[in-house]
C-alpha atoms as a PDB file:
ATOM      1  CA  UNK A   1     -57.796 -58.794-178.299  1.00  0.00           C
ATOM      2  CA  UNK A   2     -56.611 -59.787-174.528  1.00  0.00           C
ATOM      3  CA  UNK A   3     -57.156 -63.396-173.364  1.00  0.00           C
ATOM      4  CA  UNK A   4     -56.505 -63.934-169.927  1.00  0.00           C
ATOM      5  CA  UNK A   5     -53.737 -66.383-169.557  1.00  0.00           C
ATOM      6  CA  UNK A   6     -51.901 -67.527-166.327  1.00  0.00           C
ATOM      7  CA  UNK A   7     -52.520 -66.386-162.964  1.00  0.00           C
ATOM      8  CA  UNK A   8     -55.203 -63.697-163.246  1.00  0.00           C
ATOM      9  CA  UNK A   9     -55.645 -62.701-159.400  1.00  0.00           C
ATOM     10  CA  UNK A  10     -59.219 -61.721-158.294  1.00  0.00           C
ATOM     11  CA  UNK A  11     -58.693 -58.243-156.345  1.00  0.00           C
ATOM     12  CA  UNK A  12     -60.439 -57.272-152.688  1.00  0.00           C
ATOM     13  CA  UNK A  13     -61.695 -53.679-152.374  1.00  0.00           C
ATOM     14  CA  UNK A  14     -59.377 -52.121-149.269  1.00  0.00           C
ATOM     15  CA  UNK A  15     -61.377 -49.691-147.331  1.00  0.00           C
ATOM     16  CA  UNK A  16     -59.609 -47.502-144.802  1.00  0.00           C
ATOM     17  CA  UNK A  17     -60.536 -46.353-141.119  1.00  0.00           C
ATOM     18  CA  UNK A  18     -63.784 -44.646-142.333  1.00  0.00           C
ATOM     19  CA  UNK A  19     -65.029 -47.481-144.321  1.00  0.00           C
ATOM     20  CA  UNK A  20     -64.380 -45.390-147.839  1.00  0.00           C
ATOM     21  CA  UNK A  21     -62.576 -47.165-150.652  1.00  0.00           C
ATOM     22  CA  UNK A  22     -58.667 -46.819-149.684  1.00  0.00           C
ATOM     23  CA  UNK A  23     -57.240 -45.878-153.415  1.00  0.00           C
ATOM     24  CA  UNK A  24     -53.768 -45.755-151.841  1.00  0.00           C
ATOM     25  CA  UNK A  25     -54.045 -49.425-150.259  1.00  0.00           C
ATOM     26  CA  UNK A  26     -55.378 -50.368-153.883  1.00  0.00           C
ATOM     27  CA  UNK A  27     -52.105 -48.896-155.287  1.00  0.00           C
ATOM     28  CA  UNK A  28     -49.741 -50.615-153.217  1.00  0.00           C
ATOM     29  CA  UNK A  29     -51.428 -53.879-153.626  1.00  0.00           C
ATOM     30  CA  UNK A  30     -51.795 -53.880-157.530  1.00  0.00           C
ATOM     31  CA  UNK A  31     -47.905 -52.741-157.670  1.00  0.00           C
ATOM     32  CA  UNK A  32     -47.217 -56.209-155.702  1.00  0.00           C
ATOM     33  CA  UNK A  33     -48.954 -58.149-158.347  1.00  0.00           C
ATOM     34  CA  UNK A  34     -47.117 -56.597-160.726  1.00  0.00           C
ATOM     35  CA  UNK A  35     -43.885 -57.193-159.121  1.00  0.00           C
ATOM     36  CA  UNK A  36     -44.346 -60.708-158.554  1.00  0.00           C
ATOM     37  CA  UNK A  37     -45.743 -62.207-162.402  1.00  0.00           C
ATOM     38  CA  UNK A  38     -49.068 -61.761-161.864  1.00  0.00           C
ATOM     39  CA  UNK A  39     -50.636 -61.671-165.655  1.00  0.00           C
ATOM     40  CA  UNK A  40     -53.970 -59.917-165.252  1.00  0.00           C
ATOM     41  CA  UNK A  41     -55.844 -58.641-162.612  1.00  0.00           C
ATOM     42  CA  UNK A  42     -59.942 -59.135-161.545  1.00  0.00           C
ATOM     43  CA  UNK A  43     -61.486 -56.355-159.801  1.00  0.00           C
ATOM     44  CA  UNK A  44     -64.720 -56.068-158.684  1.00  0.00           C
ATOM     45  CA  UNK A  45     -65.458 -59.600-158.320  1.00  0.00           C
ATOM     46  CA  UNK A  46     -67.117 -61.262-155.014  1.00  0.00           C
ATOM     47  CA  UNK A  47     -63.568 -61.037-154.130  1.00  0.00           C
ATOM     48  CA  UNK A  48     -63.836 -57.252-154.376  1.00  0.00           C
ATOM     49  CA  UNK A  49     -67.197 -57.298-152.345  1.00  0.00           C
ATOM     50  CA  UNK A  50     -68.494 -55.731-155.318  1.00  0.00           C
ATOM     51  CA  UNK A  51     -72.499 -55.939-153.775  1.00  0.00           C
ATOM     52  CA  UNK A  52     -71.668 -54.488-151.086  1.00  0.00           C
ATOM     53  CA  UNK A  53     -70.421 -50.824-153.188  1.00  0.00           C
ATOM     54  CA  UNK A  54     -72.659 -48.206-154.564  1.00  0.00           C
ATOM     55  CA  UNK A  55     -72.639 -47.358-158.037  1.00  0.00           C
ATOM     56  CA  UNK A  56     -69.970 -44.426-157.681  1.00  0.00           C
ATOM     57  CA  UNK A  57     -68.286 -46.345-155.685  1.00  0.00           C
ATOM     58  CA  UNK A  58     -68.065 -48.691-158.860  1.00  0.00           C
ATOM     59  CA  UNK A  59     -67.295 -46.185-161.019  1.00  0.00           C
ATOM     60  CA  UNK A  60     -64.573 -44.571-159.035  1.00  0.00           C
ATOM     61  CA  UNK A  61     -62.611 -48.110-158.882  1.00  0.00           C
ATOM     62  CA  UNK A  62     -62.775 -48.308-162.468  1.00  0.00           C
ATOM     63  CA  UNK A  63     -61.582 -44.610-163.335  1.00  0.00           C
ATOM     64  CA  UNK A  64     -58.365 -44.563-160.499  1.00  0.00           C
ATOM     65  CA  UNK A  65     -57.632 -48.734-160.897  1.00  0.00           C
ATOM     66  CA  UNK A  66     -57.017 -47.784-164.887  1.00  0.00           C
ATOM     67  CA  UNK A  67     -54.928 -44.891-164.054  1.00  0.00           C
ATOM     68  CA  UNK A  68     -52.845 -47.214-162.170  1.00  0.00           C
ATOM     69  CA  UNK A  69     -52.290 -49.955-164.336  1.00  0.00           C
ATOM     70  CA  UNK A  70     -52.704 -48.540-168.360  1.00  0.00           C
ATOM     71  CA  UNK A  71     -49.863 -50.393-169.845  1.00  0.00           C
ATOM     72  CA  UNK A  72     -48.764 -52.109-166.885  1.00  0.00           C
ATOM     73  CA  UNK A  73     -51.069 -54.998-166.390  1.00  0.00           C
ATOM     74  CA  UNK A  74     -54.269 -55.775-168.221  1.00  0.00           C
ATOM     75  CA  UNK A  75     -57.658 -55.579-165.926  1.00  0.00           C
ATOM     76  CA  UNK A  76     -60.681 -57.063-166.379  1.00  0.00           C
ATOM     77  CA  UNK A  77     -63.749 -55.648-164.527  1.00  0.00           C
ATOM     78  CA  UNK A  78     -67.126 -57.156-163.630  1.00  0.00           C
ATOM     79  CA  UNK A  79     -70.091 -55.385-164.860  1.00  0.00           C
ATOM     80  CA  UNK A  80     -72.363 -58.131-163.030  1.00  0.00           C
ATOM     81  CA  UNK A  81     -75.582 -56.678-162.091  1.00  0.00           C
ATOM     82  CA  UNK A  82     -79.337 -56.958-161.315  1.00  0.00           C
ATOM     83  CA  UNK A  83     -80.386 -56.543-164.944  1.00  0.00           C
ATOM     84  CA  UNK A  84     -79.124 -56.682-168.121  1.00  0.00           C
ATOM     85  CA  UNK A  85     -79.923 -52.945-168.864  1.00  0.00           C
ATOM     86  CA  UNK A  86     -77.392 -51.726-165.484  1.00  0.00           C
ATOM     87  CA  UNK A  87     -74.841 -54.373-167.070  1.00  0.00           C
ATOM     88  CA  UNK A  88     -74.641 -52.998-170.316  1.00  0.00           C
ATOM     89  CA  UNK A  89     -74.183 -49.439-168.552  1.00  0.00           C
ATOM     90  CA  UNK A  90     -71.430 -50.428-166.703  1.00  0.00           C
ATOM     91  CA  UNK A  91     -69.937 -52.280-169.581  1.00  0.00           C
ATOM     92  CA  UNK A  92     -70.350 -48.590-171.608  1.00  0.00           C
ATOM     93  CA  UNK A  93     -68.713 -46.851-168.956  1.00  0.00           C
ATOM     94  CA  UNK A  94     -65.746 -49.670-168.292  1.00  0.00           C
ATOM     95  CA  UNK A  95     -65.167 -49.066-172.548  1.00  0.00           C
ATOM     96  CA  UNK A  96     -65.391 -45.521-172.068  1.00  0.00           C
ATOM     97  CA  UNK A  97     -62.495 -45.348-169.433  1.00  0.00           C
ATOM     98  CA  UNK A  98     -60.337 -47.853-171.469  1.00  0.00           C
ATOM     99  CA  UNK A  99     -60.598 -50.831-169.583  1.00  0.00           C
ATOM    100  CA  UNK A 100     -59.007 -53.810-170.916  1.00  0.00           C
ATOM    101  CA  UNK A 101     -61.953 -56.219-170.713  1.00  0.00           C
ATOM    102  CA  UNK A 102     -64.852 -56.691-168.886  1.00  0.00           C
ATOM    103  CA  UNK A 103     -66.527 -59.947-167.266  1.00  0.00           C
ATOM    104  CA  UNK A 104     -70.801 -60.187-167.250  1.00  0.00           C
ATOM    105  CA  UNK A 105     -72.863 -63.271-164.768  1.00  0.00           C
ATOM    106  CA  UNK A 106     -76.122 -63.897-165.380  1.00  0.00           C
ATOM    107  CA  UNK A 107     -78.183 -61.514-162.781  1.00  0.00           C
ATOM    108  CA  UNK A 108     -78.448 -63.249-159.257  1.00  0.00           C
ATOM    109  CA  UNK A 109     -81.855 -64.584-157.423  1.00  0.00           C
ATOM    110  CA  UNK A 110     -83.824 -64.455-160.360  1.00  0.00           C
ATOM    111  CA  UNK A 111     -83.159 -68.091-161.397  1.00  0.00           C
ATOM    112  CA  UNK A 112     -83.542 -67.489-165.347  1.00  0.00           C
ATOM    113  CA  UNK A 113     -83.572 -70.496-167.747  1.00  0.00           C
ATOM    114  CA  UNK A 114     -81.064 -71.110-170.621  1.00  0.00           C
ATOM    115  CA  UNK A 115     -82.745 -68.939-173.442  1.00  0.00           C
ATOM    116  CA  UNK A 116     -83.041 -66.097-170.859  1.00  0.00           C
ATOM    117  CA  UNK A 117     -79.162 -66.258-170.018  1.00  0.00           C
ATOM    118  CA  UNK A 118     -78.133 -66.287-173.565  1.00  0.00           C
ATOM    119  CA  UNK A 119     -80.098 -63.530-174.250  1.00  0.00           C
ATOM    120  CA  UNK A 120     -79.231 -61.839-171.239  1.00  0.00           C
ATOM    121  CA  UNK A 121     -74.991 -62.577-172.346  1.00  0.00           C
ATOM    122  CA  UNK A 122     -75.426 -61.538-176.072  1.00  0.00           C
ATOM    123  CA  UNK A 123     -76.600 -58.219-175.123  1.00  0.00           C
ATOM    124  CA  UNK A 124     -74.385 -57.583-172.315  1.00  0.00           C
ATOM    125  CA  UNK A 125     -71.862 -58.756-175.301  1.00  0.00           C
ATOM    126  CA  UNK A 126     -73.547 -56.466-178.082  1.00  0.00           C
ATOM    127  CA  UNK A 127     -72.944 -53.302-176.161  1.00  0.00           C
ATOM    128  CA  UNK A 128     -69.272 -53.447-176.122  1.00  0.00           C
ATOM    129  CA  UNK A 129     -66.287 -53.873-178.302  1.00  0.00           C
ATOM    130  CA  UNK A 130     -64.242 -54.683-175.381  1.00  0.00           C
ATOM    131  CA  UNK A 131     -62.575 -58.422-174.738  1.00  0.00           C
ATOM    132  CA  UNK A 132     -65.411 -59.879-172.758  1.00  0.00           C
ATOM    133  CA  UNK A 133     -65.884 -63.016-170.819  1.00  0.00           C
ATOM    134  CA  UNK A 134     -68.800 -64.959-168.970  1.00  0.00           C
ATOM    135  CA  UNK A 135     -68.523 -65.931-165.034  1.00  0.00           C
ATOM    136  CA  UNK A 136     -70.093 -69.199-164.455  1.00  0.00           C
ATOM    137  CA  UNK A 137     -70.813 -69.496-160.526  1.00  0.00           C
ATOM    138  CA  UNK A 138     -74.044 -71.132-160.116  1.00  0.00           C
ATOM    139  CA  UNK A 139     -73.325 -71.250-156.275  1.00  0.00           C
ATOM    140  CA  UNK A 140     -73.785 -67.888-155.861  1.00  0.00           C
ATOM    141  CA  UNK A 141     -75.713 -67.011-158.944  1.00  0.00           C
ATOM    142  CA  UNK A 142     -78.645 -70.125-158.986  1.00  0.00           C
ATOM    143  CA  UNK A 143     -77.981 -70.670-162.935  1.00  0.00           C
ATOM    144  CA  UNK A 144     -75.209 -72.987-164.550  1.00  0.00           C
ATOM    145  CA  UNK A 145     -74.339 -71.062-168.101  1.00  0.00           C
ATOM    146  CA  UNK A 146     -74.728 -75.063-170.189  1.00  0.00           C
ATOM    147  CA  UNK A 147     -71.620 -75.617-172.571  1.00  0.00           C
ATOM    148  CA  UNK A 148     -74.308 -74.918-175.131  1.00  0.00           C
ATOM    149  CA  UNK A 149     -74.887 -71.372-174.276  1.00  0.00           C
ATOM    150  CA  UNK A 150     -71.124 -70.627-174.056  1.00  0.00           C
ATOM    151  CA  UNK A 151     -70.906 -72.247-177.446  1.00  0.00           C
ATOM    152  CA  UNK A 152     -73.858 -70.002-179.379  1.00  0.00           C
ATOM    153  CA  UNK A 153     -72.158 -67.478-177.527  1.00  0.00           C
ATOM    154  CA  UNK A 154     -68.685 -67.743-178.480  1.00  0.00           C
ATOM    155  CA  UNK A 155     -70.103 -68.405-182.390  1.00  0.00           C
ATOM    156  CA  UNK A 156     -71.685 -64.933-182.168  1.00  0.00           C
ATOM    157  CA  UNK A 157     -69.469 -62.868-180.345  1.00  0.00           C
ATOM    158  CA  UNK A 158     -65.710 -62.375-181.442  1.00  0.00           C
ATOM    159  CA  UNK A 159     -64.687 -60.508-178.338  1.00  0.00           C
ATOM    160  CA  UNK A 160     -66.060 -63.576-176.193  1.00  0.00           C
ATOM    161  CA  UNK A 161     -62.492 -64.617-174.886  1.00  0.00           C
ATOM    162  CA  UNK A 162     -62.488 -65.693-171.625  1.00  0.00           C
ATOM    163  CA  UNK A 163     -65.022 -68.491-169.535  1.00  0.00           C
ATOM    164  CA  UNK A 164     -64.173 -68.274-165.484  1.00  0.00           C
ATOM    165  CA  UNK A 165     -65.641 -71.498-164.483  1.00  0.00           C
ATOM    166  CA  UNK A 166     -66.436 -72.109-160.768  1.00  0.00           C
ATOM    167  CA  UNK A 167     -68.299 -75.446-160.269  1.00  0.00           C
ATOM    168  CA  UNK A 168     -67.003 -78.881-159.684  1.00  0.00           C
ATOM    169  CA  UNK A 169     -67.396 -80.173-163.323  1.00  0.00           C
ATOM    170  CA  UNK A 170     -65.064 -81.667-165.556  1.00  0.00           C
ATOM    171  CA  UNK A 171     -67.734 -82.394-167.580  1.00  0.00           C
ATOM    172  CA  UNK A 172     -68.449 -78.860-168.205  1.00  0.00           C
ATOM    173  CA  UNK A 173     -64.640 -77.874-168.886  1.00  0.00           C
ATOM    174  CA  UNK A 174     -64.371 -80.522-171.519  1.00  0.00           C
ATOM    175  CA  UNK A 175     -67.487 -79.652-173.278  1.00  0.00           C
ATOM    176  CA  UNK A 176     -66.672 -76.004-173.119  1.00  0.00           C
ATOM    177  CA  UNK A 177     -63.334 -77.269-174.818  1.00  0.00           C
ATOM    178  CA  UNK A 178     -64.936 -79.281-177.296  1.00  0.00           C
ATOM    179  CA  UNK A 179     -67.389 -76.767-178.735  1.00  0.00           C
ATOM    180  CA  UNK A 180     -65.250 -74.013-178.400  1.00  0.00           C
ATOM    181  CA  UNK A 181     -61.545 -75.179-179.356  1.00  0.00           C
ATOM    182  CA  UNK A 182     -59.031 -72.079-178.609  1.00  0.00           C
ATOM    183  CA  UNK A 183     -62.109 -69.285-179.374  1.00  0.00           C
ATOM    184  CA  UNK A 184     -62.713 -68.923-175.469  1.00  0.00           C
ATOM    185  CA  UNK A 185     -59.900 -69.304-172.704  1.00  0.00           C
ATOM    186  CA  UNK A 186     -61.358 -71.274-170.013  1.00  0.00           C
ATOM    187  CA  UNK A 187     -59.863 -70.072-166.590  1.00  0.00           C
ATOM    188  CA  UNK A 188     -61.149 -72.016-163.498  1.00  0.00           C
ATOM    189  CA  UNK A 189     -61.466 -70.230-159.764  1.00  0.00           C
ATOM    190  CA  UNK A 190     -60.498 -71.579-156.691  1.00  0.00           C
ATOM    191  CA  UNK A 191     -64.259 -72.516-155.678  1.00  0.00           C
ATOM    192  CA  UNK A 192     -65.636 -75.316-155.234  1.00  0.00           C
ATOM    193  CA  UNK A 193     -62.094 -76.519-152.631  1.00  0.00           C
ATOM    194  CA  UNK A 194     -59.796 -75.777-155.651  1.00  0.00           C
ATOM    195  CA  UNK A 195     -61.258 -78.962-157.093  1.00  0.00           C
ATOM    196  CA  UNK A 196     -60.629 -77.788-161.142  1.00  0.00           C
ATOM    197  CA  UNK A 197     -57.487 -76.421-160.867  1.00  0.00           C
ATOM    198  CA  UNK A 198     -56.026 -79.068-162.519  1.00  0.00           C
ATOM    199  CA  UNK A 199     -58.407 -80.804-164.326  1.00  0.00           C
ATOM    200  CA  UNK A 200     -58.739 -77.345-165.940  1.00  0.00           C
ATOM    201  CA  UNK A 201     -55.244 -76.758-167.250  1.00  0.00           C
ATOM    202  CA  UNK A 202     -55.389 -80.336-167.866  1.00  0.00           C
ATOM    203  CA  UNK A 203     -58.017 -80.298-171.037  1.00  0.00           C
ATOM    204  CA  UNK A 204     -56.095 -77.609-172.355  1.00  0.00           C
ATOM    205  CA  UNK A 205     -57.557 -74.410-169.720  1.00  0.00           C
ATOM    206  CA  UNK A 206     -55.083 -71.259-170.111  1.00  0.00           C
ATOM    207  CA  UNK A 207     -54.891 -70.747-166.406  1.00  0.00           C
ATOM    208  CA  UNK A 208     -56.720 -69.519-162.626  1.00  0.00           C
ATOM    209  CA  UNK A 209     -58.566 -66.902-162.106  1.00  0.00           C
ATOM    210  CA  UNK A 210     -57.315 -66.937-158.140  1.00  0.00           C
ATOM    211  CA  UNK A 211     -57.561 -65.291-154.598  1.00  0.00           C
ATOM    212  CA  UNK A 212     -54.139 -67.182-153.476  1.00  0.00           C
ATOM    213  CA  UNK A 213     -52.419 -65.295-155.501  1.00  0.00           C
ATOM    214  CA  UNK A 214     -53.694 -61.761-153.143  1.00  0.00           C
ATOM    215  CA  UNK A 215     -50.983 -63.895-150.543  1.00  0.00           C
ATOM    216  CA  UNK A 216     -48.756 -66.046-152.739  1.00  0.00           C
ATOM    217  CA  UNK A 217     -48.238 -64.407-156.015  1.00  0.00           C
ATOM    218  CA  UNK A 218     -45.206 -65.316-157.331  1.00  0.00           C
ATOM    219  CA  UNK A 219     -46.196 -69.097-156.662  1.00  0.00           C
ATOM    220  CA  UNK A 220     -49.797 -68.546-157.943  1.00  0.00           C
ATOM    221  CA  UNK A 221     -48.461 -67.556-161.231  1.00  0.00           C
ATOM    222  CA  UNK A 222     -46.011 -70.865-161.247  1.00  0.00           C
ATOM    223  CA  UNK A 223     -48.845 -73.043-160.522  1.00  0.00           C
ATOM    224  CA  UNK A 224     -51.446 -71.435-163.223  1.00  0.00           C
ATOM    225  CA  UNK A 225     -49.661 -71.361-166.394  1.00  0.00           C
ATOM    226  CA  UNK A 226     -50.585 -73.489-169.077  1.00  0.00           C
ATOM    227  CA  UNK A 227     -49.190 -76.384-169.547  1.00  0.00           C
ATOM    228  CA  UNK A 228     -46.844 -76.302-172.918  1.00  0.00           C
ATOM    229  CA  UNK A 229     -44.506 -78.599-171.609  1.00  0.00           C
ATOM    230  CA  UNK A 230     -43.668 -81.737-169.430  1.00  0.00           C
ATOM    231  CA  UNK A 231     -41.787 -79.586-166.879  1.00  0.00           C
ATOM    232  CA  UNK A 232     -44.400 -76.785-166.445  1.00  0.00           C
ATOM    233  CA  UNK A 233     -47.080 -79.552-165.886  1.00  0.00           C
ATOM    234  CA  UNK A 234     -44.485 -80.881-163.946  1.00  0.00           C
ATOM    235  CA  UNK A 235     -43.980 -77.587-161.460  1.00  0.00           C
ATOM    236  CA  UNK A 236     -47.520 -76.768-161.328  1.00  0.00           C
ATOM    237  CA  UNK A 237     -48.399 -80.276-160.011  1.00  0.00           C
ATOM    238  CA  UNK A 238     -45.114 -79.589-157.326  1.00  0.00           C
ATOM    239  CA  UNK A 239     -46.273 -76.092-156.559  1.00  0.00           C
ATOM    240  CA  UNK A 240     -50.238 -77.042-156.483  1.00  0.00           C
ATOM    241  CA  UNK A 241     -49.538 -79.653-153.890  1.00  0.00           C
ATOM    242  CA  UNK A 242     -46.928 -77.549-152.028  1.00  0.00           C
ATOM    243  CA  UNK A 243     -49.504 -74.843-151.327  1.00  0.00           C
ATOM    244  CA  UNK A 244     -52.876 -76.666-151.283  1.00  0.00           C
ATOM    245  CA  UNK A 245     -53.172 -76.537-147.280  1.00  0.00           C
ATOM    246  CA  UNK A 246     -52.906 -72.711-147.604  1.00  0.00           C
ATOM    247  CA  UNK A 247     -55.247 -72.502-150.447  1.00  0.00           C
ATOM    248  CA  UNK A 248     -57.762 -74.522-148.668  1.00  0.00           C
ATOM    249  CA  UNK A 249     -57.593 -72.172-145.729  1.00  0.00           C
ATOM    250  CA  UNK A 250     -57.958 -69.339-147.504  1.00  0.00           C
ATOM    251  CA  UNK A 251     -61.283 -70.406-148.492  1.00  0.00           C
ATOM    252  CA  UNK A 252     -62.312 -71.645-145.194  1.00  0.00           C
ATOM    253  CA  UNK A 253     -65.418 -69.102-145.297  1.00  0.00           C
ATOM    254  CA  UNK A 254     -66.372 -66.932-148.541  1.00  0.00           C
ATOM    255  CA  UNK A 255     -64.613 -64.197-150.342  1.00  0.00           C
ATOM    256  CA  UNK A 256     -63.082 -62.413-149.071  1.00  0.00           C
ATOM    257  CA  UNK A 257     -62.822 -62.764-145.731  1.00  0.00           C
ATOM    258  CA  UNK A 258     -59.868 -64.930-144.895  1.00  0.00           C
ATOM    259  CA  UNK A 259     -58.057 -63.057-148.099  1.00  0.00           C
ATOM    260  CA  UNK A 260     -58.083 -59.905-146.262  1.00  0.00           C
ATOM    261  CA  UNK A 261     -57.291 -61.535-142.718  1.00  0.00           C
ATOM    262  CA  UNK A 262     -54.060 -62.721-144.564  1.00  0.00           C
ATOM    263  CA  UNK A 263     -53.224 -59.444-145.779  1.00  0.00           C
ATOM    264  CA  UNK A 264     -53.282 -57.609-142.711  1.00  0.00           C
ATOM    265  CA  UNK A 265     -51.267 -60.616-140.798  1.00  0.00           C
ATOM    266  CA  UNK A 266     -48.486 -59.555-143.836  1.00  0.00           C
ATOM    267  CA  UNK A 267     -49.086 -56.090-143.002  1.00  0.00           C
ATOM    268  CA  UNK A 268     -50.706 -55.141-146.161  1.00  0.00           C
ATOM    269  CA  UNK A 269     -53.349 -53.208-146.255  1.00  0.00           C
ATOM    270  CA  UNK A 270     -56.519 -55.636-146.697  1.00  0.00           C
ATOM    271  CA  UNK A 271     -58.598 -53.515-144.264  1.00  0.00           C
ATOM    272  CA  UNK A 272     -61.888 -54.530-142.486  1.00  0.00           C
ATOM    273  CA  UNK A 273     -64.889 -55.974-144.298  1.00  0.00           C
ATOM    274  CA  UNK A 274     -67.769 -54.185-144.661  1.00  0.00           C
ATOM    275  CA  UNK A 275     -71.210 -55.107-143.414  1.00  0.00           C
ATOM    276  CA  UNK A 276     -72.896 -57.974-143.203  1.00  0.00           C
ATOM    277  CA  UNK A 277     -69.104 -59.753-143.625  1.00  0.00           C
ATOM    278  CA  UNK A 278     -67.781 -60.018-140.021  1.00  0.00           C
ATOM    279  CA  UNK A 279     -63.687 -59.842-139.596  1.00  0.00           C
ATOM    280  CA  UNK A 280     -62.132 -63.421-139.117  1.00  0.00           C
ATOM    281  CA  UNK A 281     -61.146 -63.382-135.855  1.00  0.00           C
ATOM    282  CA  UNK A 282     -60.061 -65.925-132.770  1.00  0.00           C
ATOM    283  CA  UNK A 283     -58.757 -69.856-132.833  1.00  0.00           C
ATOM    284  CA  UNK A 284     -59.609 -69.551-136.909  1.00  0.00           C
ATOM    285  CA  UNK A 285     -57.570 -66.409-137.279  1.00  0.00           C
ATOM    286  CA  UNK A 286     -54.150 -67.811-134.694  1.00  0.00           C
ATOM    287  CA  UNK A 287     -54.605 -71.091-136.789  1.00  0.00           C
ATOM    288  CA  UNK A 288     -54.198 -68.893-140.063  1.00  0.00           C
ATOM    289  CA  UNK A 289     -51.041 -66.801-139.213  1.00  0.00           C
ATOM    290  CA  UNK A 290     -49.328 -70.170-137.524  1.00  0.00           C
ATOM    291  CA  UNK A 291     -49.963 -71.860-141.090  1.00  0.00           C
ATOM    292  CA  UNK A 292     -48.953 -68.760-143.096  1.00  0.00           C
ATOM    293  CA  UNK A 293     -45.582 -68.892-140.673  1.00  0.00           C
ATOM    294  CA  UNK A 294     -44.707 -72.571-140.658  1.00  0.00           C
ATOM    295  CA  UNK A 295     -45.124 -72.246-144.779  1.00  0.00           C
ATOM    296  CA  UNK A 296     -42.391 -69.424-144.833  1.00  0.00           C
ATOM    297  CA  UNK A 297     -45.389 -67.191-146.297  1.00  0.00           C
ATOM    298  CA  UNK A 298     -44.516 -64.301-143.424  1.00  0.00           C
ATOM    299  CA  UNK A 299     -40.926 -64.820-143.829  1.00  0.00           C
ATOM    300  CA  UNK A 300     -41.237 -63.897-147.469  1.00  0.00           C
ATOM    301  CA  UNK A 301     -43.928 -61.588-148.034  1.00  0.00           C
ATOM    302  CA  UNK A 302     -44.261 -59.636-144.676  1.00  0.00           C
ATOM    303  CA  UNK A 303     -43.822 -55.977-145.145  1.00  0.00           C
ATOM    304  CA  UNK A 304     -44.060 -55.005-141.226  1.00  0.00           C
END
């Protein structure tokens, strides 16, 4: 059963000039990730503008991306929905299409209790035999899934393999690791402000669920490796400290606003954003381009 480790890159959804999903661009971006050593891909997350996609578009993305990636790189798809029934239905669709894994969240906005969060996630995990995980992001969802709830899910579901954390709490990381051991891989997001990358790896986490790998995939793969030796630990810190200014810039606004701008700077098909997002422009765009130039990103990765 696949358990994400290393650099797990959260992919944007590229759109063409008619605001349709651009599957040719999707393939180009996926091929690039494989070329530079990314371990797994995460599709239909917040970086993929998932809340701005129709159900038909989400299903089409699952279908087409699996065709592009099967046997080449593992892909987990978000099944986050407003209701438990819709989350279950999406997970079943992903499984029927041959996905490698699925990710669940608590529904946004409704602010469920911990017992309700457990019931929702337990129902979702029971609906599939795929490797699955949770995305714990209270800044977007309004509810923190507590370590005790995560442990209870881990005890009940052998297919619960990854906890994708996005809150600035080292205590959360420690408690999940203490309670779940190696049954659940802990991966951290870039949010908030890259504050838990080093702590996640230090407590035994297995990597990062990142957006930076969209722009610097080879470097992200290097700083996202689990710490199995002192050499890897030292290389991680060196790469992480070196690229930290760029990582900060990529999170100047919510995902995927800056990521798409950076891809476009490189001549890659990031495409436009769906409304109500606004394309990155003006002073901050110019500063991003200058920083990418100064750090050698354009020289290495530009396809213009």
